[in-house]
Protein backbone atom coordinates (compact mmCIF):
# COMPACT_ATOMS: atom_id res chain seq x y z
CA MET A 1 -0.05 -0.01 0.00
CA ASP A 2 1.41 3.37 -1.11
CA LEU A 3 1.05 6.02 1.82
CA ASP A 4 3.05 8.78 0.18
CA ARG A 5 0.08 11.17 0.42
CA GLN A 6 0.25 11.16 4.15
CA SER A 7 4.11 11.79 4.30
CA PHE A 8 3.43 15.05 6.20
CA LEU A 9 3.06 12.72 9.28
CA GLY A 10 6.80 12.31 9.34
CA GLN A 11 9.63 10.51 7.47
CA ASP A 12 9.26 7.32 9.50
CA SER A 13 5.46 7.52 10.13
CA ASP A 14 4.66 4.55 7.80
CA GLU A 15 7.08 2.17 9.60
CA LEU A 16 5.80 3.34 13.03
CA LEU A 17 2.18 2.82 12.11
CA ALA A 18 2.92 -0.59 10.79
CA THR A 19 4.33 -1.63 14.28
CA LEU A 20 1.43 -0.47 16.13
CA THR A 21 -1.28 -2.80 17.63
CA VAL A 22 -4.80 -1.38 17.89
CA CYS A 23 -7.67 -3.07 19.78
CA ILE A 24 -11.24 -2.10 18.87
CA ILE A 25 -13.88 -3.38 21.12
CA GLY A 26 -17.40 -3.16 19.43
CA LEU A 27 -17.49 -3.43 15.67
CA GLY A 28 -20.76 -1.81 15.08
CA GLY A 29 -21.47 1.70 13.69
CA GLY A 30 -18.47 3.40 15.27
CA GLY A 31 -15.98 0.57 15.45
CA SER A 32 -16.40 -0.45 11.89
CA HIS A 33 -15.63 3.08 10.63
CA ILE A 34 -12.55 3.19 12.90
CA ALA A 35 -11.36 -0.35 11.72
CA GLN A 36 -11.62 0.65 8.07
CA GLN A 37 -9.93 4.15 8.49
CA LEU A 38 -7.08 2.60 10.48
CA ALA A 39 -6.50 0.07 7.76
CA HIS A 40 -6.26 2.90 5.16
CA VAL A 41 -3.90 4.82 7.43
CA GLY A 42 -1.44 1.90 7.58
CA ILE A 43 -1.90 0.22 11.05
CA GLY A 44 -0.10 -3.11 10.95
CA ASN A 45 -1.87 -5.02 13.67
CA PHE A 46 -5.46 -5.33 14.71
CA ILE A 47 -7.35 -7.01 17.57
CA LEU A 48 -11.14 -6.92 16.99
CA MET A 49 -13.48 -7.94 19.77
CA ASP A 50 -17.15 -8.43 19.29
CA PHE A 51 -19.30 -11.57 19.86
CA ASP A 52 -22.28 -10.17 17.88
CA ARG A 53 -23.31 -11.33 14.49
CA ILE A 54 -24.59 -8.99 11.71
CA ASP A 55 -28.33 -8.66 11.08
CA THR A 56 -30.38 -6.47 8.94
CA THR A 57 -30.61 -3.80 11.64
CA ASN A 58 -26.89 -3.26 11.35
CA LEU A 59 -26.81 -2.43 7.64
CA ASN A 60 -27.84 1.23 8.06
CA ARG A 61 -24.58 2.00 9.68
CA LEU A 62 -21.99 -0.75 9.72
CA VAL A 63 -19.58 -0.06 6.94
CA GLY A 64 -18.12 -3.10 5.13
CA ALA A 65 -21.17 -5.21 5.75
CA ALA A 66 -23.53 -6.43 2.94
CA ASP A 67 -26.98 -7.96 2.96
CA SER A 68 -25.40 -11.36 2.39
CA ASP A 69 -23.58 -11.00 5.66
CA ALA A 70 -26.79 -10.32 7.43
CA ARG A 71 -28.48 -13.24 5.86
CA LYS A 72 -25.68 -15.61 6.76
CA LYS A 73 -25.35 -14.15 10.23
CA ARG A 74 -21.61 -13.58 9.94
CA TYR A 75 -19.71 -12.27 12.92
CA LYS A 76 -18.94 -8.57 12.76
CA VAL A 77 -15.23 -9.16 13.42
CA ASP A 78 -14.89 -11.64 10.65
CA VAL A 79 -16.57 -9.21 8.11
CA LEU A 80 -14.34 -6.29 9.26
CA ALA A 81 -11.22 -8.47 9.33
CA LYS A 82 -11.93 -9.45 5.71
CA ARG A 83 -12.40 -5.76 4.90
CA ILE A 84 -9.17 -4.73 6.50
CA LYS A 85 -7.24 -7.51 4.71
CA ALA A 86 -8.70 -6.33 1.43
CA ILE A 87 -7.31 -2.85 2.00
CA ASN A 88 -3.83 -4.03 3.16
CA PRO A 89 -3.11 -7.78 2.71
CA LYS A 90 -0.05 -7.44 4.87
CA VAL A 91 -1.99 -6.58 8.09
CA ARG A 92 -2.27 -9.00 10.87
CA VAL A 93 -5.75 -9.29 12.30
CA LYS A 94 -6.97 -11.27 15.29
CA ALA A 95 -10.77 -11.57 15.36
CA ILE A 96 -12.15 -12.46 18.73
CA THR A 97 -15.84 -13.53 19.13
CA LYS A 98 -15.68 -13.76 22.92
CA PRO A 99 -16.72 -11.13 25.54
CA TRP A 100 -13.63 -8.86 25.99
CA GLN A 101 -13.54 -9.79 29.65
CA GLU A 102 -12.55 -13.37 28.73
CA VAL A 103 -9.53 -12.27 26.78
CA ALA A 104 -8.39 -9.08 28.65
CA GLU A 105 -4.89 -10.22 28.62
CA CYS A 106 -4.69 -9.16 25.00
CA PHE A 107 -4.59 -5.63 26.26
CA GLY A 108 -1.00 -6.14 27.34
CA ASP A 109 -0.04 -6.47 23.58
CA CYS A 110 -1.93 -3.31 22.49
CA ASP A 111 -0.67 0.23 21.99
CA VAL A 112 -4.23 1.75 22.20
CA ILE A 113 -7.81 0.57 22.86
CA PHE A 114 -10.87 2.05 21.17
CA GLY A 115 -14.19 1.60 23.01
CA CYS A 116 -17.20 1.57 20.81
CA VAL A 117 -19.85 0.14 23.09
CA ASP A 118 -23.28 1.34 24.36
CA SER A 119 -23.20 0.22 27.93
CA PHE A 120 -21.99 2.71 30.59
CA ILE A 121 -20.94 -0.16 32.78
CA VAL A 122 -18.98 -1.91 30.07
CA ARG A 123 -17.15 1.45 29.24
CA ARG A 124 -16.26 1.86 32.86
CA ASP A 125 -14.89 -1.67 33.13
CA ILE A 126 -12.84 -1.44 29.81
CA GLU A 127 -11.31 1.82 30.96
CA ALA A 128 -10.35 0.34 34.34
CA ALA A 129 -8.68 -2.62 32.47
CA ALA A 130 -6.86 -0.32 30.14
CA ARG A 131 -5.35 1.57 33.03
CA ARG A 132 -4.16 -1.61 34.63
CA TYR A 133 -2.17 -2.35 31.45
CA LEU A 134 -1.09 1.30 31.10
CA VAL A 135 -2.82 1.56 27.65
CA PRO A 136 -4.49 4.64 26.24
CA TYR A 137 -8.12 4.35 26.02
CA ILE A 138 -10.15 6.22 23.37
CA ASP A 139 -13.94 6.29 24.00
CA ILE A 140 -16.66 7.31 21.57
CA GLY A 141 -20.34 7.47 22.20
CA MET A 142 -23.44 8.89 20.53
CA ASP A 143 -27.16 8.98 21.02
CA VAL A 144 -30.35 10.41 19.53
CA HIS A 145 -32.53 12.09 22.09
CA ALA A 146 -36.24 13.16 21.90
CA LEU A 147 -36.37 16.87 22.73
CA ASP A 148 -39.51 19.06 22.89
CA GLY A 149 -41.16 17.10 20.08
CA ASP A 150 -37.98 17.10 18.05
CA PHE A 151 -34.77 15.09 18.03
CA ALA A 152 -31.16 15.86 18.86
CA ILE A 153 -28.11 13.96 17.79
CA GLY A 154 -25.03 14.27 20.05
CA GLY A 155 -21.86 12.48 21.00
CA GLN A 156 -18.43 12.75 22.43
CA ILE A 157 -14.86 11.53 21.99
CA ALA A 158 -12.60 11.31 25.07
CA LEU A 159 -8.96 10.20 25.48
CA SER A 160 -8.28 8.47 28.83
CA MET A 161 -4.55 8.26 29.52
CA PRO A 162 -3.30 6.22 32.36
CA ASP A 163 -1.89 9.25 34.30
CA SER A 164 -4.81 11.70 33.40
CA LEU A 165 -8.39 12.27 33.99
CA CYS A 166 -10.76 9.40 33.54
CA LEU A 167 -14.26 9.27 32.03
CA GLN A 168 -15.88 9.62 35.53
CA CYS A 169 -13.67 12.68 36.21
CA MET A 170 -14.84 14.29 32.79
CA GLY A 171 -18.53 13.54 33.64
CA ILE A 172 -19.06 11.15 30.80
CA LEU A 173 -19.83 8.38 33.30
CA THR A 174 -21.58 9.08 36.41
CA ASP A 175 -22.78 6.98 39.39
CA ALA A 176 -26.33 7.85 38.41
CA LEU A 177 -25.98 6.63 34.84
CA ILE A 178 -24.30 3.49 35.93
CA SER A 179 -26.75 2.73 38.77
CA GLU A 180 -29.82 3.36 36.38
CA GLU A 181 -28.25 0.90 33.77
CA ALA A 182 -27.52 -1.57 36.56
CA ALA A 183 -31.21 -1.38 37.60
CA ARG A 184 -31.95 -2.59 34.04
CA TYR A 185 -29.62 -5.60 34.57
CA GLY A 186 -26.86 -3.92 32.58
CA ASP A 187 -28.93 -3.69 29.46
CA ALA A 188 -28.28 -0.58 27.53
CA GLY A 189 -31.17 -1.27 25.29
CA SER A 190 -31.57 -0.48 21.61
CA ARG A 191 -30.52 3.07 20.81
CA PRO A 192 -31.13 5.05 17.54
CA GLN A 193 -27.96 5.11 15.52
CA VAL A 194 -27.17 6.73 12.16
CA VAL A 195 -24.21 6.29 9.90
CA TRP A 196 -23.18 9.95 9.52
CA ALA A 197 -22.96 10.65 13.26
CA ASN A 198 -20.96 7.52 13.76
CA GLY A 199 -18.70 8.42 11.00
CA VAL A 200 -18.04 11.95 12.30
CA LEU A 201 -17.12 10.48 15.77
CA ALA A 202 -15.06 7.71 14.38
CA SER A 203 -12.99 10.05 12.11
CA LEU A 204 -12.43 12.33 15.09
CA ALA A 205 -11.33 9.33 17.24
CA VAL A 206 -8.82 8.25 14.47
CA GLU A 207 -7.48 11.84 14.36
CA VAL A 208 -7.06 11.95 18.17
CA PHE A 209 -5.11 8.65 17.86
CA ILE A 210 -2.78 9.84 15.03
CA GLN A 211 -2.06 13.09 16.82
CA THR A 212 -1.35 11.26 20.05
CA PHE A 213 1.11 8.72 18.53
CA ILE A 214 2.43 10.81 15.66
CA PRO A 215 1.95 14.44 16.50
CA TRP A 216 1.66 16.27 13.03
CA HIS A 217 0.99 19.74 14.45
CA LYS A 218 2.03 21.73 17.46
CA GLU A 219 -1.34 22.76 18.68
CA SER A 220 -2.55 20.07 20.92
CA ASN A 221 -4.51 19.96 24.14
CA GLU A 222 -3.31 17.74 26.98
CA LEU A 223 -6.88 16.78 27.75
CA ILE A 224 -8.91 15.57 24.74
CA TYR A 225 -12.64 15.67 25.45
CA LEU A 226 -14.64 16.69 22.38
CA GLU A 227 -18.44 17.04 21.96
CA TYR A 228 -20.35 16.60 18.73
CA ASP A 229 -23.69 18.49 18.16
CA GLY A 230 -25.28 16.79 15.12
CA ASN A 231 -28.08 19.38 14.96
CA LEU A 232 -25.66 22.38 14.67
CA HIS A 233 -23.07 20.41 12.62
CA GLU A 234 -20.52 21.46 15.27
CA VAL A 235 -17.61 19.79 17.10
CA ARG A 236 -15.97 21.57 19.95
CA PRO A 237 -13.94 20.99 23.19
CA SER A 238 -16.25 20.18 26.00
CA LEU A 239 -17.58 23.18 27.87
CA ARG A 240 -16.90 21.12 31.13
CA ILE A 241 -13.17 21.12 30.65
CA PRO A 242 -12.40 24.38 32.65
CA TYR A 243 -14.36 23.00 35.63
CA LEU A 244 -12.76 19.44 35.67
CA PRO A 245 -10.42 18.36 38.39
CA THR A 246 -6.68 18.71 37.82
CA ALA A 247 -5.91 15.02 38.68
CA CYS A 248 -7.83 11.84 38.54
CA THR A 249 -9.69 11.02 41.82
CA HIS A 250 -11.15 7.50 40.75
CA PHE A 251 -8.08 5.40 40.11
CA ASP A 252 -5.23 4.65 42.43
CA SER A 253 -2.02 6.25 41.21
CA ILE A 254 -0.19 2.97 41.80
CA ASN A 255 -2.43 1.26 39.24
CA SER A 256 -2.09 3.96 36.77
CA PHE A 257 1.54 4.98 36.98
CA GLY A 258 3.92 4.73 34.10
CA ASN A 259 4.58 5.91 30.53
CA PRO A 260 2.33 4.15 28.04
CA PHE A 261 4.60 5.16 25.21
CA PHE A 262 7.87 3.83 26.85
CA THR A 263 8.30 0.93 24.51
CA LEU A 264 7.17 3.10 21.58
CA ASN A 265 9.63 5.82 22.37
CA MET A 266 12.56 3.43 23.01
CA LYS A 267 12.16 1.64 19.70
CA GLY A 268 15.42 2.09 17.77
CA LYS A 269 17.41 3.89 20.54
CA TYR A 270 19.19 0.76 21.83
């Protein structure tokens, strides 16, 4: 695959991207976009986690899936693995059809984890596991809300680093949301989803990932928490940022201490 047109990322960016291992949990509307874009960018190693199969309700937003995949009830990870390999045959893809909790040891092999799940409880647990393995976690979420007889589309992208604010510090996860979901036995329920909102959030998540690992411009905020307003067609840093704590109060520093880029930064130096 010829990546000359993204040479502005740096002289050795192609080689670096090819060494990275990306884990994507949830290969629905958001995760499928992220997987495809990262394949185009030149990521060399993928771990895809999702135990769901494709059905007709996925086809309005799951990129790479076809009607035949829904009729044959193929696993989402298998369809996206095939799509990734079609873009770049040299890519290594591990497709996992088990709940992520059963294979969490895979996080130790990852450079970054993308969380593309609906459940607040699951997002909390993925972030906690990512911090134990000192792996950056990029979370995306969107929803469509009924509002005064109309509808509002919104979402957010947040970067949770092992030594920075977590999703609870940012207010994305709250005790009230988690308790309400737990009262429904952890079922997030069926939520409205549309391909264009998922695509916007996924593209922003990929951009955050690239800027984090291969900074291509100098202007960069230490805290990444972006909000998407689909009605105003607008993305902006969260208005909560000035009021957030300066240090995480939810994770023990012993469990989130270290430099997640140590191995990455040391490559080629010794």
